[in-house]
Protein backbone atom coordinates (compact mmCIF):
# COMPACT_ATOMS: atom_id res chain seq x y z
CA UNK A 1 -16.22 -88.12 -48.42
CA UNK A 2 -14.37 -89.75 -51.07
CA UNK A 3 -14.37 -87.37 -54.27
CA UNK A 4 -16.13 -89.26 -56.72
CA UNK A 5 -13.88 -90.27 -60.63
CA UNK A 6 -16.50 -88.62 -62.54
CA UNK A 7 -16.16 -85.51 -60.30
CA UNK A 8 -11.88 -85.26 -60.42
CA UNK A 9 -12.53 -85.63 -64.17
CA UNK A 10 -14.57 -82.72 -64.29
CA UNK A 11 -12.41 -80.71 -62.31
CA UNK A 12 -9.11 -81.20 -63.47
CA UNK A 13 -10.20 -81.42 -67.33
CA UNK A 14 -10.83 -77.48 -66.66
CA UNK A 15 -7.99 -77.14 -64.73
CA UNK A 16 -5.66 -78.07 -67.88
CA UNK A 17 -7.97 -76.93 -70.15
CA UNK A 18 -7.39 -73.20 -68.26
CA UNK A 19 -3.50 -73.68 -67.95
CA UNK A 20 -2.49 -75.59 -70.83
CA UNK A 21 -4.37 -74.67 -73.44
CA UNK A 22 -3.00 -75.87 -77.52
CA UNK A 23 -0.18 -77.27 -74.93
CA UNK A 24 2.78 -76.13 -73.16
CA UNK A 25 5.44 -74.27 -75.47
CA UNK A 26 7.86 -74.72 -73.05
CA UNK A 27 7.86 -78.30 -71.97
CA UNK A 28 7.38 -79.48 -75.26
CA UNK A 29 10.04 -77.21 -76.37
CA UNK A 30 13.29 -78.20 -73.68
CA UNK A 31 11.78 -81.89 -72.89
CA UNK A 32 12.51 -84.44 -75.49
CA UNK A 33 9.29 -86.21 -76.20
CA UNK A 34 10.47 -90.14 -74.71
CA UNK A 35 12.18 -88.44 -71.69
CA UNK A 36 11.54 -90.17 -68.42
CA UNK A 37 12.04 -88.53 -65.59
CA UNK A 38 10.86 -89.26 -61.38
CA UNK A 39 9.78 -86.65 -59.16
CA UNK A 40 8.74 -85.59 -55.49
CA UNK A 41 5.81 -83.73 -54.11
CA UNK A 42 7.07 -81.77 -51.27
CA UNK A 43 4.69 -80.04 -48.16
CA UNK A 44 7.92 -77.57 -47.39
CA UNK A 45 5.21 -76.30 -44.19
CA UNK A 46 3.59 -78.35 -41.79
CA UNK A 47 -0.03 -79.06 -42.30
CA UNK A 48 -3.00 -81.36 -42.85
CA UNK A 49 -2.90 -83.42 -47.10
CA UNK A 50 -5.60 -83.12 -48.65
CA UNK A 51 -5.80 -83.82 -52.77
CA UNK A 52 -3.58 -85.89 -53.61
CA UNK A 53 -6.22 -87.67 -55.07
CA UNK A 54 -7.09 -84.98 -57.49
CA UNK A 55 -2.96 -83.90 -57.57
CA UNK A 56 -2.73 -88.16 -59.06
CA UNK A 57 -5.70 -87.07 -61.45
CA UNK A 58 -3.83 -84.30 -63.29
CA UNK A 59 -0.46 -86.34 -64.00
CA UNK A 60 -2.90 -89.36 -65.21
CA UNK A 61 -4.77 -87.15 -67.40
CA UNK A 62 -2.09 -85.59 -68.97
CA UNK A 63 -0.17 -89.16 -70.08
CA UNK A 64 -1.54 -92.59 -68.64
CA UNK A 65 1.24 -93.86 -68.16
CA UNK A 66 2.51 -91.68 -65.14
CA UNK A 67 3.14 -93.21 -61.90
CA UNK A 68 1.41 -92.20 -59.29
CA UNK A 69 2.83 -93.49 -55.73
CA UNK A 70 0.90 -91.35 -52.25
CA UNK A 71 3.74 -91.57 -49.43
CA UNK A 72 0.84 -90.24 -46.49
CA UNK A 73 -3.11 -90.80 -46.84
CA UNK A 74 -5.32 -87.84 -47.15
CA UNK A 75 -6.25 -86.24 -43.35
CA UNK A 76 -2.02 -87.14 -42.17
CA UNK A 77 -0.79 -84.27 -40.55
CA UNK A 78 3.01 -83.90 -41.01
CA UNK A 79 5.92 -81.37 -40.99
CA UNK A 80 7.61 -79.17 -42.69
CA UNK A 81 9.35 -80.61 -45.93
CA UNK A 82 8.08 -83.62 -46.02
CA UNK A 83 7.80 -85.33 -49.57
CA UNK A 84 4.11 -86.62 -49.86
CA UNK A 85 4.38 -88.22 -53.22
CA UNK A 86 6.79 -89.51 -55.97
CA UNK A 87 5.42 -89.69 -59.51
CA UNK A 88 7.50 -91.21 -61.85
CA UNK A 89 6.84 -91.75 -65.88
CA UNK A 90 7.28 -89.79 -69.00
CA UNK A 91 8.77 -85.70 -68.05
CA UNK A 92 6.38 -84.44 -70.25
CA UNK A 93 3.05 -85.53 -68.33
CA UNK A 94 4.87 -84.39 -65.21
CA UNK A 95 5.67 -80.88 -65.68
CA UNK A 96 2.73 -79.78 -68.13
CA UNK A 97 0.57 -80.90 -65.07
CA UNK A 98 3.15 -79.74 -62.47
CA UNK A 99 1.23 -76.30 -61.72
CA UNK A 100 -2.00 -77.42 -61.65
CA UNK A 101 -1.00 -80.07 -59.32
CA UNK A 102 0.34 -78.08 -56.61
CA UNK A 103 -2.28 -75.41 -57.29
CA UNK A 104 -4.51 -78.36 -55.56
CA UNK A 105 -2.85 -79.85 -53.44
CA UNK A 106 -1.68 -76.44 -51.88
CA UNK A 107 -5.29 -75.29 -51.58
CA UNK A 108 -7.06 -78.09 -50.04
CA UNK A 109 -4.49 -78.97 -47.97
CA UNK A 110 -4.55 -75.25 -46.34
CA UNK A 111 -8.42 -76.03 -45.83
CA UNK A 112 -7.45 -79.56 -43.95
CA UNK A 113 -5.89 -78.21 -42.06
CA UNK A 114 -6.95 -75.12 -41.59
CA UNK A 115 -10.16 -77.45 -40.22
CA UNK A 116 -7.69 -79.52 -38.09
CA UNK A 117 -6.69 -76.23 -35.80
CA UNK A 118 -10.16 -75.07 -35.42
CA UNK A 119 -11.20 -79.07 -34.49
CA UNK A 120 -8.28 -78.77 -32.41
CA UNK A 121 -9.33 -75.86 -30.73
CA UNK A 122 -12.91 -77.92 -29.00
CA UNK A 123 -11.63 -81.35 -28.62
CA UNK A 124 -13.62 -82.53 -25.57
CA UNK A 125 -16.57 -80.44 -26.67
CA UNK A 126 -18.75 -83.25 -28.60
CA UNK A 127 -18.99 -80.62 -30.62
CA UNK A 128 -18.81 -80.32 -34.73
CA UNK A 129 -17.04 -77.78 -36.40
CA UNK A 130 -19.53 -78.11 -40.04
CA UNK A 131 -17.93 -75.18 -43.47
CA UNK A 132 -20.95 -73.26 -45.81
CA UNK A 133 -21.42 -72.71 -49.17
CA UNK A 134 -18.96 -70.80 -48.83
CA UNK A 135 -16.52 -72.90 -51.09
CA UNK A 136 -14.60 -71.74 -54.77
CA UNK A 137 -16.83 -71.96 -57.32
CA UNK A 138 -16.37 -75.64 -59.26
CA UNK A 139 -14.59 -76.99 -56.23
CA UNK A 140 -17.16 -77.41 -53.58
CA UNK A 141 -16.55 -81.45 -53.95
CA UNK A 142 -13.14 -80.63 -53.56
CA UNK A 143 -13.36 -78.30 -50.52
CA UNK A 144 -15.36 -79.75 -48.81
CA UNK A 145 -13.79 -83.08 -49.00
CA UNK A 146 -10.50 -81.22 -47.69
CA UNK A 147 -12.65 -79.97 -44.24
CA UNK A 148 -13.36 -83.19 -44.13
CA UNK A 149 -9.73 -84.21 -43.69
CA UNK A 150 -9.31 -81.96 -41.50
CA UNK A 151 -11.83 -83.81 -39.63
CA UNK A 152 -14.88 -81.31 -40.11
CA UNK A 153 -18.40 -82.66 -41.30
CA UNK A 154 -19.81 -81.36 -44.42
CA UNK A 155 -22.94 -79.11 -43.66
CA UNK A 156 -25.58 -79.14 -46.81
CA UNK A 157 -23.19 -79.18 -50.45
CA UNK A 158 -26.31 -78.05 -52.04
CA UNK A 159 -29.55 -76.20 -51.66
CA UNK A 160 -31.32 -79.51 -53.62
CA UNK A 161 -29.90 -81.90 -49.86
CA UNK A 162 -31.13 -79.59 -46.72
CA UNK A 163 -33.02 -77.15 -46.09
CA UNK A 164 -31.66 -73.50 -44.34
CA UNK A 165 -34.29 -71.18 -43.87
CA UNK A 166 -32.12 -67.85 -43.68
CA UNK A 167 -33.25 -64.06 -42.89
CA UNK A 168 -34.71 -63.69 -46.23
CA UNK A 169 -36.95 -66.49 -46.84
CA UNK A 170 -38.58 -65.43 -43.11
CA UNK A 171 -39.05 -61.89 -44.97
CA UNK A 172 -40.58 -63.83 -48.20
CA UNK A 173 -42.60 -66.32 -46.46
CA UNK A 174 -43.92 -63.83 -43.22
CA UNK A 175 -42.73 -64.70 -40.19
CA UNK A 176 -40.95 -68.79 -39.23
CA UNK A 177 -44.60 -70.16 -39.19
CA UNK A 178 -45.69 -70.10 -41.83
CA UNK A 179 -42.17 -70.21 -43.75
CA UNK A 180 -42.07 -73.95 -41.73
CA UNK A 181 -46.04 -74.54 -42.77
CA UNK A 182 -44.67 -74.38 -46.21
CA UNK A 183 -41.69 -76.36 -46.31
CA UNK A 184 -43.78 -79.37 -44.36
CA UNK A 185 -46.67 -79.75 -47.33
CA UNK A 186 -43.36 -79.94 -50.08
CA UNK A 187 -40.78 -81.52 -48.73
CA UNK A 188 -40.25 -84.90 -46.05
CA UNK A 189 -36.25 -83.55 -45.32
CA UNK A 190 -35.33 -81.61 -42.15
CA UNK A 191 -35.87 -78.24 -41.56
CA UNK A 192 -33.49 -76.23 -39.68
CA UNK A 193 -34.50 -71.64 -38.55
CA UNK A 194 -31.57 -69.20 -38.69
CA UNK A 195 -32.45 -67.19 -35.42
CA UNK A 196 -31.35 -64.44 -34.72
CA UNK A 197 -33.54 -63.42 -32.05
CA UNK A 198 -34.73 -65.50 -28.56
CA UNK A 199 -38.37 -64.37 -29.78
CA UNK A 200 -37.77 -66.08 -33.23
CA UNK A 201 -36.09 -69.23 -31.33
CA UNK A 202 -39.34 -69.54 -29.40
CA UNK A 203 -40.88 -69.16 -32.86
CA UNK A 204 -39.50 -72.25 -34.32
CA UNK A 205 -39.67 -74.31 -31.03
CA UNK A 206 -43.47 -73.41 -31.67
CA UNK A 207 -43.37 -74.90 -35.02
CA UNK A 208 -40.98 -78.09 -34.18
CA UNK A 209 -38.34 -77.38 -36.56
CA UNK A 210 -35.65 -79.81 -36.39
CA UNK A 211 -32.97 -77.43 -35.88
CA UNK A 212 -32.15 -73.54 -35.25
CA UNK A 213 -29.05 -72.12 -36.46
CA UNK A 214 -27.85 -68.96 -33.96
CA UNK A 215 -26.63 -66.17 -35.80
CA UNK A 216 -24.31 -63.49 -34.89
CA UNK A 217 -25.08 -64.63 -31.19
CA UNK A 218 -22.48 -63.20 -27.84
CA UNK A 219 -21.48 -66.30 -26.17
CA UNK A 220 -24.34 -64.75 -23.45
CA UNK A 221 -27.27 -65.45 -25.39
CA UNK A 222 -25.92 -68.91 -26.60
CA UNK A 223 -26.28 -70.19 -23.39
CA UNK A 224 -29.57 -68.47 -22.74
CA UNK A 225 -30.10 -70.27 -25.75
CA UNK A 226 -29.37 -73.70 -25.37
CA UNK A 227 -30.98 -73.49 -21.51
CA UNK A 228 -34.31 -71.94 -23.18
CA UNK A 229 -34.45 -74.52 -25.96
CA UNK A 230 -33.92 -77.67 -23.05
CA UNK A 231 -32.56 -80.66 -26.28
CA UNK A 232 -36.03 -79.86 -28.29
CA UNK A 233 -33.93 -79.00 -31.34
CA UNK A 234 -30.11 -78.91 -32.19
CA UNK A 235 -28.69 -76.10 -31.96
CA UNK A 236 -25.84 -74.11 -34.90
CA UNK A 237 -23.83 -71.45 -34.19
CA UNK A 238 -22.56 -69.27 -36.74
CA UNK A 239 -21.27 -66.16 -37.53
CA UNK A 240 -17.89 -64.12 -36.34
CA UNK A 241 -16.24 -67.36 -35.18
CA UNK A 242 -12.50 -67.37 -35.05
CA UNK A 243 -10.00 -69.29 -33.85
CA UNK A 244 -9.84 -67.02 -30.88
CA UNK A 245 -13.70 -67.30 -29.72
CA UNK A 246 -14.17 -71.17 -30.98
CA UNK A 247 -13.84 -72.44 -27.97
CA UNK A 248 -16.07 -70.37 -26.26
CA UNK A 249 -18.99 -70.49 -28.42
CA UNK A 250 -18.34 -74.37 -28.07
CA UNK A 251 -18.47 -74.03 -24.18
CA UNK A 252 -22.17 -72.72 -23.84
CA UNK A 253 -23.77 -76.33 -24.77
CA UNK A 254 -24.20 -75.64 -29.40
CA UNK A 255 -24.27 -79.17 -30.73
CA UNK A 256 -22.60 -77.98 -34.24
CA UNK A 257 -20.51 -74.08 -35.12
CA UNK A 258 -20.63 -73.76 -39.19
CA UNK A 259 -17.40 -71.72 -40.10
CA UNK A 260 -17.14 -70.40 -43.74
CA UNK A 261 -13.78 -68.82 -42.95
CA UNK A 262 -12.75 -72.55 -43.75
CA UNK A 263 -13.10 -72.80 -47.13
CA UNK A 264 -13.64 -69.08 -47.63
CA UNK A 265 -10.29 -67.83 -46.23
CA UNK A 266 -7.44 -70.80 -46.14
CA UNK A 267 -4.50 -70.09 -47.23
CA UNK A 268 -2.55 -72.34 -49.28
CA UNK A 269 0.19 -74.69 -47.94
CA UNK A 270 3.49 -73.98 -49.65
CA UNK A 271 4.59 -76.87 -52.01
CA UNK A 272 6.68 -77.91 -54.48
CA UNK A 273 7.77 -80.55 -56.96
CA UNK A 274 11.60 -81.61 -57.44
CA UNK A 275 12.85 -84.18 -59.97
CA UNK A 276 15.16 -85.87 -58.49
């Protein structure tokens, strides 16, 4: 997925307001207003690059005369100590934007890299790795872009673009059937229901839902659920997924595996900006 210019503008404006405030006191005092320079964005460890558009938007927001040359594309795996972009132009803008640009690049590249690890772990199984809504407030679209950069697939972006009936919805509605009937009276969106037990899976099948989220089931329970459903609904496994067990989960026959850790637990990669 591509991040729109409007989204980048909104996110970058907020980040710069937070970091720069009334002005970069240090840079304004030590760097001449007409000083020009060149710097390299360096990925100091191996990983999947993501966030170059966000980094570029930071510098351009500070000065439209900055020139940003990306040397790779988002989604590219690079080795450590790789220069991924060159920035040239007004030095004040380069130095003032440094930290915000690096924060975006490091954070998003970390998400992309962790996602690629999960995608590689299930290679050959035809299982899709999905993200969730467990994202940093305000950064969801960028973080989901990073998941896509790493080879994952985006689940719903918000509460208005997809239906997922979770345990609390079922408790409020009273049953799977009641929840599904109410939804069908109000929306044409495909319906997915979270199920914790075989009985709930059976009820979901009877209600002819489009997809079933198999929550926190063991591999043996997932195998049984797959055999029970027999292709009548798309199956998504979720809960307790790690790099150690994702392959075993994929081999149960489910269609998708959703992993909140892709966005809530990814470690930022080590990136730096070096003047040349």
